[in-house]
Amino acid sequence: MILLNLVSGKGGYQCPYCLKRFDVRYSLLRHIRVIHDPERHLYDCNGCGRRFAWKSAFLRHVNITCVNRGRRQTN
């Protein structure tokens, strides 16, 4: 169980892992789940090696920004 501390001032919720601050508790919980959860599936780009936590960001990258977008993706 992760303890979430409310700290005074801007960004009232602080990540216990990287000390990044969030104004909303839900944003902190989402950050911990996506960034710090080792069980979280990441989407790997076979074209350039970048990894993405969000499928939508991965697909946008593959379809628009990856320099090797002609290569087939396995995720």
PDB file of N, CA and C in Angstrom:
ATOM      1  N   MET A   1       0.833  -1.182   0.000  1.00  0.00           N
ATOM      2  CA  MET A   1       0.000   0.000   0.000  1.00  0.00           C
ATOM      3  C   MET A   1       0.877   1.244   0.000  1.00  0.00           C
ATOM      4  N   ILE A   2       0.582   2.160  -0.863  1.00  0.00           N
ATOM      5  CA  ILE A   2       1.344   3.394  -0.984  1.00  0.00           C
ATOM      6  C   ILE A   2       0.661   4.480  -0.173  1.00  0.00           C
ATOM      7  N   LEU A   3       1.436   5.173   0.625  1.00  0.00           N
ATOM      8  CA  LEU A   3       0.890   6.286   1.387  1.00  0.00           C
ATOM      9  C   LEU A   3       1.039   7.561   0.574  1.00  0.00           C
ATOM     10  N   LEU A   4      -0.058   8.291   0.445  1.00  0.00           N
ATOM     11  CA  LEU A   4      -0.048   9.536  -0.303  1.00  0.00           C
ATOM     12  C   LEU A   4      -0.141  10.686   0.676  1.00  0.00           C
ATOM     13  N   ASN A   5       0.844  11.548   0.649  1.00  0.00           N
ATOM     14  CA  ASN A   5       0.858  12.673   1.564  1.00  0.00           C
ATOM     15  C   ASN A   5       0.363  13.920   0.875  1.00  0.00           C
ATOM     16  N   LEU A   6      -0.510  14.630   1.562  1.00  0.00           N
ATOM     17  CA  LEU A   6      -0.971  15.925   1.088  1.00  0.00           C
ATOM     18  C   LEU A   6      -0.012  16.957   1.651  1.00  0.00           C
ATOM     19  N   VAL A   7       0.643  17.698   0.772  1.00  0.00           N
ATOM     20  CA  VAL A   7       1.587  18.719   1.210  1.00  0.00           C
ATOM     21  C   VAL A   7       1.017  20.086   0.891  1.00  0.00           C
ATOM     22  N   SER A   8       1.391  21.066   1.661  1.00  0.00           N
ATOM     23  CA  SER A   8       0.844  22.399   1.448  1.00  0.00           C
ATOM     24  C   SER A   8       1.475  23.053   0.227  1.00  0.00           C
ATOM     25  N   GLY A   9       0.744  23.986  -0.361  1.00  0.00           N
ATOM     26  CA  GLY A   9       1.255  24.713  -1.515  1.00  0.00           C
ATOM     27  C   GLY A   9       0.815  24.090  -2.821  1.00  0.00           C
ATOM     28  N   LYS A  10       1.371  24.606  -3.913  1.00  0.00           N
ATOM     29  CA  LYS A  10       1.023  24.141  -5.251  1.00  0.00           C
ATOM     30  C   LYS A  10       1.435  22.687  -5.429  1.00  0.00           C
ATOM     31  N   GLY A  11       0.594  21.935  -6.090  1.00  0.00           N
ATOM     32  CA  GLY A  11       0.887  20.514  -6.292  1.00  0.00           C
ATOM     33  C   GLY A  11       0.790  19.768  -4.980  1.00  0.00           C
ATOM     34  N   GLY A  12      -0.391  19.722  -4.422  1.00  0.00           N
ATOM     35  CA  GLY A  12      -0.605  19.204  -3.081  1.00  0.00           C
ATOM     36  C   GLY A  12      -0.306  17.732  -2.870  1.00  0.00           C
ATOM     37  N   TYR A  13      -0.267  16.930  -3.921  1.00  0.00           N
ATOM     38  CA  TYR A  13       0.003  15.497  -3.784  1.00  0.00           C
ATOM     39  C   TYR A  13       1.353  15.188  -4.416  1.00  0.00           C
ATOM     40  N   GLN A  14       2.220  14.514  -3.659  1.00  0.00           N
ATOM     41  CA  GLN A  14       3.579  14.259  -4.126  1.00  0.00           C
ATOM     42  C   GLN A  14       3.813  12.764  -4.315  1.00  0.00           C
ATOM     43  N   CYS A  15       4.429  12.415  -5.438  1.00  0.00           N
ATOM     44  CA  CYS A  15       4.759  11.023  -5.722  1.00  0.00           C
ATOM     45  C   CYS A  15       5.853  10.557  -4.761  1.00  0.00           C
ATOM     46  N   PRO A  16       5.647   9.426  -4.091  1.00  0.00           N
ATOM     47  CA  PRO A  16       6.659   8.932  -3.160  1.00  0.00           C
ATOM     48  C   PRO A  16       7.887   8.344  -3.859  1.00  0.00           C
ATOM     49  N   TYR A  17       7.814   8.144  -5.163  1.00  0.00           N
ATOM     50  CA  TYR A  17       8.933   7.557  -5.905  1.00  0.00           C
ATOM     51  C   TYR A  17       9.844   8.601  -6.543  1.00  0.00           C
ATOM     52  N   CYS A  18       9.251   9.600  -7.201  1.00  0.00           N
ATOM     53  CA  CYS A  18      10.062  10.572  -7.941  1.00  0.00           C
ATOM     54  C   CYS A  18       9.862  12.007  -7.458  1.00  0.00           C
ATOM     55  N   LEU A  19       8.990  12.201  -6.483  1.00  0.00           N
ATOM     56  CA  LEU A  19       8.728  13.495  -5.862  1.00  0.00           C
ATOM     57  C   LEU A  19       8.033  14.501  -6.774  1.00  0.00           C
ATOM     58  N   LYS A  20       7.540  14.059  -7.921  1.00  0.00           N
ATOM     59  CA  LYS A  20       6.744  14.930  -8.781  1.00  0.00           C
ATOM     60  C   LYS A  20       5.447  15.261  -8.051  1.00  0.00           C
ATOM     61  N   ARG A  21       4.939  16.484  -8.250  1.00  0.00           N
ATOM     62  CA  ARG A  21       3.749  16.939  -7.531  1.00  0.00           C
ATOM     63  C   ARG A  21       2.547  17.061  -8.452  1.00  0.00           C
ATOM     64  N   PHE A  22       1.369  16.823  -7.878  1.00  0.00           N
ATOM     65  CA  PHE A  22       0.111  16.879  -8.618  1.00  0.00           C
ATOM     66  C   PHE A  22      -0.923  17.640  -7.805  1.00  0.00           C
ATOM     67  N   ASP A  23      -1.770  18.393  -8.496  1.00  0.00           N
ATOM     68  CA  ASP A  23      -2.836  19.145  -7.832  1.00  0.00           C
ATOM     69  C   ASP A  23      -4.011  18.251  -7.449  1.00  0.00           C
ATOM     70  N   VAL A  24      -4.210  17.179  -8.182  1.00  0.00           N
ATOM     71  CA  VAL A  24      -5.365  16.308  -7.993  1.00  0.00           C
ATOM     72  C   VAL A  24      -4.882  14.907  -7.615  1.00  0.00           C
ATOM     73  N   ARG A  25      -5.505  14.317  -6.601  1.00  0.00           N
ATOM     74  CA  ARG A  25      -5.101  12.992  -6.117  1.00  0.00           C
ATOM     75  C   ARG A  25      -5.182  11.937  -7.219  1.00  0.00           C
ATOM     76  N   TYR A  26      -6.241  11.995  -8.039  1.00  0.00           N
ATOM     77  CA  TYR A  26      -6.389  11.018  -9.115  1.00  0.00           C
ATOM     78  C   TYR A  26      -5.208  11.082 -10.086  1.00  0.00           C
ATOM     79  N   SER A  27      -4.726  12.287 -10.374  1.00  0.00           N
ATOM     80  CA  SER A  27      -3.582  12.433 -11.285  1.00  0.00           C
ATOM     81  C   SER A  27      -2.346  11.755 -10.715  1.00  0.00           C
ATOM     82  N   LEU A  28      -2.149  11.879  -9.419  1.00  0.00           N
ATOM     83  CA  LEU A  28      -1.025  11.201  -8.775  1.00  0.00           C
ATOM     84  C   LEU A  28      -1.180   9.689  -8.869  1.00  0.00           C
ATOM     85  N   LEU A  29      -2.372   9.183  -8.583  1.00  0.00           N
ATOM     86  CA  LEU A  29      -2.596   7.736  -8.648  1.00  0.00           C
ATOM     87  C   LEU A  29      -2.381   7.201 -10.057  1.00  0.00           C
ATOM     88  N   ARG A  30      -2.852   7.934 -11.064  1.00  0.00           N
ATOM     89  CA  ARG A  30      -2.650   7.528 -12.457  1.00  0.00           C
ATOM     90  C   ARG A  30      -1.164   7.542 -12.800  1.00  0.00           C
ATOM     91  N   HIS A  31      -0.442   8.570 -12.364  1.00  0.00           N
ATOM     92  CA  HIS A  31       1.002   8.676 -12.588  1.00  0.00           C
ATOM     93  C   HIS A  31       1.728   7.464 -12.000  1.00  0.00           C
ATOM     94  N   ILE A  32       1.407   7.113 -10.768  1.00  0.00           N
ATOM     95  CA  ILE A  32       2.058   5.969 -10.124  1.00  0.00           C
ATOM     96  C   ILE A  32       1.766   4.685 -10.888  1.00  0.00           C
ATOM     97  N   ARG A  33       0.511   4.495 -11.294  1.00  0.00           N
ATOM     98  CA  ARG A  33       0.122   3.283 -12.019  1.00  0.00           C
ATOM     99  C   ARG A  33       0.835   3.183 -13.367  1.00  0.00           C
ATOM    100  N   VAL A  34       0.934   4.287 -14.086  1.00  0.00           N
ATOM    101  CA  VAL A  34       1.496   4.262 -15.435  1.00  0.00           C
ATOM    102  C   VAL A  34       3.021   4.303 -15.429  1.00  0.00           C
ATOM    103  N   ILE A  35       3.615   5.112 -14.587  1.00  0.00           N
ATOM    104  CA  ILE A  35       5.059   5.328 -14.629  1.00  0.00           C
ATOM    105  C   ILE A  35       5.836   4.367 -13.733  1.00  0.00           C
ATOM    106  N   HIS A  36       5.342   4.085 -12.556  1.00  0.00           N
ATOM    107  CA  HIS A  36       6.131   3.348 -11.571  1.00  0.00           C
ATOM    108  C   HIS A  36       5.717   1.897 -11.361  1.00  0.00           C
ATOM    109  N   ASP A  37       4.628   1.437 -11.962  1.00  0.00           N
ATOM    110  CA  ASP A  37       4.176   0.059 -11.770  1.00  0.00           C
ATOM    111  C   ASP A  37       4.966  -0.876 -12.682  1.00  0.00           C
ATOM    112  N   PRO A  38       5.803  -1.751 -12.128  1.00  0.00           N
ATOM    113  CA  PRO A  38       6.615  -2.641 -12.967  1.00  0.00           C
ATOM    114  C   PRO A  38       5.786  -3.678 -13.721  1.00  0.00           C
ATOM    115  N   GLU A  39       4.554  -3.912 -13.293  1.00  0.00           N
ATOM    116  CA  GLU A  39       3.686  -4.876 -13.961  1.00  0.00           C
ATOM    117  C   GLU A  39       2.979  -4.270 -15.169  1.00  0.00           C
ATOM    118  N   ARG A  40       3.051  -2.970 -15.317  1.00  0.00           N
ATOM    119  CA  ARG A  40       2.344  -2.261 -16.386  1.00  0.00           C
ATOM    120  C   ARG A  40       2.942  -2.642 -17.736  1.00  0.00           C
ATOM    121  N   HIS A  41       2.073  -2.980 -18.674  1.00  0.00           N
ATOM    122  CA  HIS A  41       2.518  -3.316 -20.026  1.00  0.00           C
ATOM    123  C   HIS A  41       2.924  -2.042 -20.759  1.00  0.00           C
ATOM    124  N   LEU A  42       4.072  -2.063 -21.362  1.00  0.00           N
ATOM    125  CA  LEU A  42       4.519  -0.940 -22.176  1.00  0.00           C
ATOM    126  C   LEU A  42       4.470  -1.341 -23.641  1.00  0.00           C
ATOM    127  N   TYR A  43       4.214  -0.381 -24.493  1.00  0.00           N
ATOM    128  CA  TYR A  43       4.162  -0.611 -25.929  1.00  0.00           C
ATOM    129  C   TYR A  43       5.510  -0.221 -26.521  1.00  0.00           C
ATOM    130  N   ASP A  44       6.163  -1.175 -27.169  1.00  0.00           N
ATOM    131  CA  ASP A  44       7.491  -0.956 -27.735  1.00  0.00           C
ATOM    132  C   ASP A  44       7.401  -0.696 -29.227  1.00  0.00           C
ATOM    133  N   CYS A  45       8.102   0.323 -29.689  1.00  0.00           N
ATOM    134  CA  CYS A  45       8.170   0.605 -31.117  1.00  0.00           C
ATOM    135  C   CYS A  45       9.343  -0.172 -31.703  1.00  0.00           C
ATOM    136  N   ASN A  46       9.059  -1.058 -32.636  1.00  0.00           N
ATOM    137  CA  ASN A  46      10.123  -1.834 -33.281  1.00  0.00           C
ATOM    138  C   ASN A  46      10.955  -0.983 -34.225  1.00  0.00           C
ATOM    139  N   GLY A  47      10.409   0.139 -34.664  1.00  0.00           N
ATOM    140  CA  GLY A  47      11.117   1.003 -35.594  1.00  0.00           C
ATOM    141  C   GLY A  47      12.252   1.781 -34.962  1.00  0.00           C
ATOM    142  N   CYS A  48      12.025   2.310 -33.752  1.00  0.00           N
ATOM    143  CA  CYS A  48      13.042   3.177 -33.154  1.00  0.00           C
ATOM    144  C   CYS A  48      13.392   2.806 -31.715  1.00  0.00           C
ATOM    145  N   GLY A  49      12.654   1.872 -31.122  1.00  0.00           N
ATOM    146  CA  GLY A  49      12.975   1.432 -29.774  1.00  0.00           C
ATOM    147  C   GLY A  49      12.315   2.205 -28.644  1.00  0.00           C
ATOM    148  N   ARG A  50      11.553   3.237 -28.955  1.00  0.00           N
ATOM    149  CA  ARG A  50      10.872   3.993 -27.898  1.00  0.00           C
ATOM    150  C   ARG A  50       9.790   3.140 -27.254  1.00  0.00           C
ATOM    151  N   ARG A  51       9.501   3.426 -25.968  1.00  0.00           N
ATOM    152  CA  ARG A  51       8.472   2.704 -25.223  1.00  0.00           C
ATOM    153  C   ARG A  51       7.391   3.687 -24.793  1.00  0.00           C
ATOM    154  N   PHE A  52       6.156   3.217 -24.804  1.00  0.00           N
ATOM    155  CA  PHE A  52       5.018   4.059 -24.467  1.00  0.00           C
ATOM    156  C   PHE A  52       4.139   3.355 -23.449  1.00  0.00           C
ATOM    157  N   ALA A  53       3.643   4.118 -22.477  1.00  0.00           N
ATOM    158  CA  ALA A  53       2.743   3.575 -21.470  1.00  0.00           C
ATOM    159  C   ALA A  53       1.310   3.557 -21.972  1.00  0.00           C
ATOM    160  N   TRP A  54       0.979   4.433 -22.886  1.00  0.00           N
ATOM    161  CA  TRP A  54      -0.386   4.554 -23.399  1.00  0.00           C
ATOM    162  C   TRP A  54      -0.449   4.038 -24.825  1.00  0.00           C
ATOM    163  N   LYS A  55      -1.420   3.176 -25.112  1.00  0.00           N
ATOM    164  CA  LYS A  55      -1.583   2.631 -26.455  1.00  0.00           C
ATOM    165  C   LYS A  55      -1.842   3.741 -27.462  1.00  0.00           C
ATOM    166  N   SER A  56      -2.632   4.748 -27.086  1.00  0.00           N
ATOM    167  CA  SER A  56      -2.938   5.842 -28.010  1.00  0.00           C
ATOM    168  C   SER A  56      -1.679   6.615 -28.392  1.00  0.00           C
ATOM    169  N   ALA A  57      -0.782   6.841 -27.451  1.00  0.00           N
ATOM    170  CA  ALA A  57       0.471   7.542 -27.751  1.00  0.00           C
ATOM    171  C   ALA A  57       1.355   6.687 -28.652  1.00  0.00           C
ATOM    172  N   PHE A  58       1.378   5.390 -28.393  1.00  0.00           N
ATOM    173  CA  PHE A  58       2.148   4.468 -29.227  1.00  0.00           C
ATOM    174  C   PHE A  58       1.648   4.481 -30.669  1.00  0.00           C
ATOM    175  N   LEU A  59       0.324   4.381 -30.856  1.00  0.00           N
ATOM    176  CA  LEU A  59      -0.238   4.363 -32.207  1.00  0.00           C
ATOM    177  C   LEU A  59      -0.010   5.679 -32.934  1.00  0.00           C
ATOM    178  N   ARG A  60      -0.144   6.793 -32.222  1.00  0.00           N
ATOM    179  CA  ARG A  60       0.127   8.096 -32.827  1.00  0.00           C
ATOM    180  C   ARG A  60       1.585   8.164 -33.288  1.00  0.00           C
ATOM    181  N   HIS A  61       2.488   7.696 -32.448  1.00  0.00           N
ATOM    182  CA  HIS A  61       3.911   7.684 -32.782  1.00  0.00           C
ATOM    183  C   HIS A  61       4.173   6.840 -34.029  1.00  0.00           C
ATOM    184  N   VAL A  62       3.622   5.637 -34.044  1.00  0.00           N
ATOM    185  CA  VAL A  62       3.850   4.724 -35.170  1.00  0.00           C
ATOM    186  C   VAL A  62       3.303   5.306 -36.467  1.00  0.00           C
ATOM    187  N   ASN A  63       2.117   5.887 -36.411  1.00  0.00           N
ATOM    188  CA  ASN A  63       1.460   6.378 -37.624  1.00  0.00           C
ATOM    189  C   ASN A  63       1.938   7.743 -38.093  1.00  0.00           C
ATOM    190  N   ILE A  64       2.498   8.544 -37.208  1.00  0.00           N
ATOM    191  CA  ILE A  64       2.824   9.918 -37.584  1.00  0.00           C
ATOM    192  C   ILE A  64       4.294  10.267 -37.418  1.00  0.00           C
ATOM    193  N   THR A  65       4.891   9.943 -36.289  1.00  0.00           N
ATOM    194  CA  THR A  65       6.209  10.503 -35.992  1.00  0.00           C
ATOM    195  C   THR A  65       7.396   9.566 -36.125  1.00  0.00           C
ATOM    196  N   CYS A  66       7.194   8.262 -36.112  1.00  0.00           N
ATOM    197  CA  CYS A  66       8.337   7.349 -36.165  1.00  0.00           C
ATOM    198  C   CYS A  66       9.009   7.417 -37.529  1.00  0.00           C
ATOM    199  N   VAL A  67      10.325   7.575 -37.517  1.00  0.00           N
ATOM    200  CA  VAL A  67      11.070   7.671 -38.771  1.00  0.00           C
ATOM    201  C   VAL A  67      11.072   6.350 -39.527  1.00  0.00           C
ATOM    202  N   ASN A  68      10.826   5.257 -38.846  1.00  0.00           N
ATOM    203  CA  ASN A  68      10.797   3.932 -39.466  1.00  0.00           C
ATOM    204  C   ASN A  68       9.374   3.393 -39.525  1.00  0.00           C
ATOM    205  N   ARG A  69       8.407   4.240 -39.820  1.00  0.00           N
ATOM    206  CA  ARG A  69       7.011   3.821 -39.718  1.00  0.00           C
ATOM    207  C   ARG A  69       6.589   2.789 -40.745  1.00  0.00           C
ATOM    208  N   GLY A  70       7.416   2.485 -41.711  1.00  0.00           N
ATOM    209  CA  GLY A  70       7.081   1.459 -42.675  1.00  0.00           C
ATOM    210  C   GLY A  70       7.255   0.051 -42.133  1.00  0.00           C
ATOM    211  N   ARG A  71       7.956  -0.084 -41.007  1.00  0.00           N
ATOM    212  CA  ARG A  71       8.195  -1.404 -40.420  1.00  0.00           C
ATOM    213  C   ARG A  71       6.979  -1.862 -39.642  1.00  0.00           C
ATOM    214  N   ARG A  72       6.704  -3.135 -39.702  1.00  0.00           N
ATOM    215  CA  ARG A  72       5.539  -3.707 -39.009  1.00  0.00           C
ATOM    216  C   ARG A  72       5.783  -3.743 -37.501  1.00  0.00           C
ATOM    217  N   GLN A  73       4.759  -3.350 -36.737  1.00  0.00           N
ATOM    218  CA  GLN A  73       4.822  -3.362 -35.277  1.00  0.00           C
ATOM    219  C   GLN A  73       4.211  -4.658 -34.755  1.00  0.00           C
ATOM    220  N   THR A  74       4.739  -5.167 -33.655  1.00  0.00           N
ATOM    221  CA  THR A  74       4.218  -6.405 -33.083  1.00  0.00           C
ATOM    222  C   THR A  74       3.260  -6.169 -31.932  1.00  0.00           C
ATOM    223  N   ASN A  75       3.195  -4.974 -31.356  1.00  0.00           N
ATOM    224  CA  ASN A  75       2.299  -4.708 -30.214  1.00  0.00           C
ATOM    225  C   ASN A  75       0.986  -4.211 -30.723  1.00  0.00           C
TER     226      ASN A  75
END
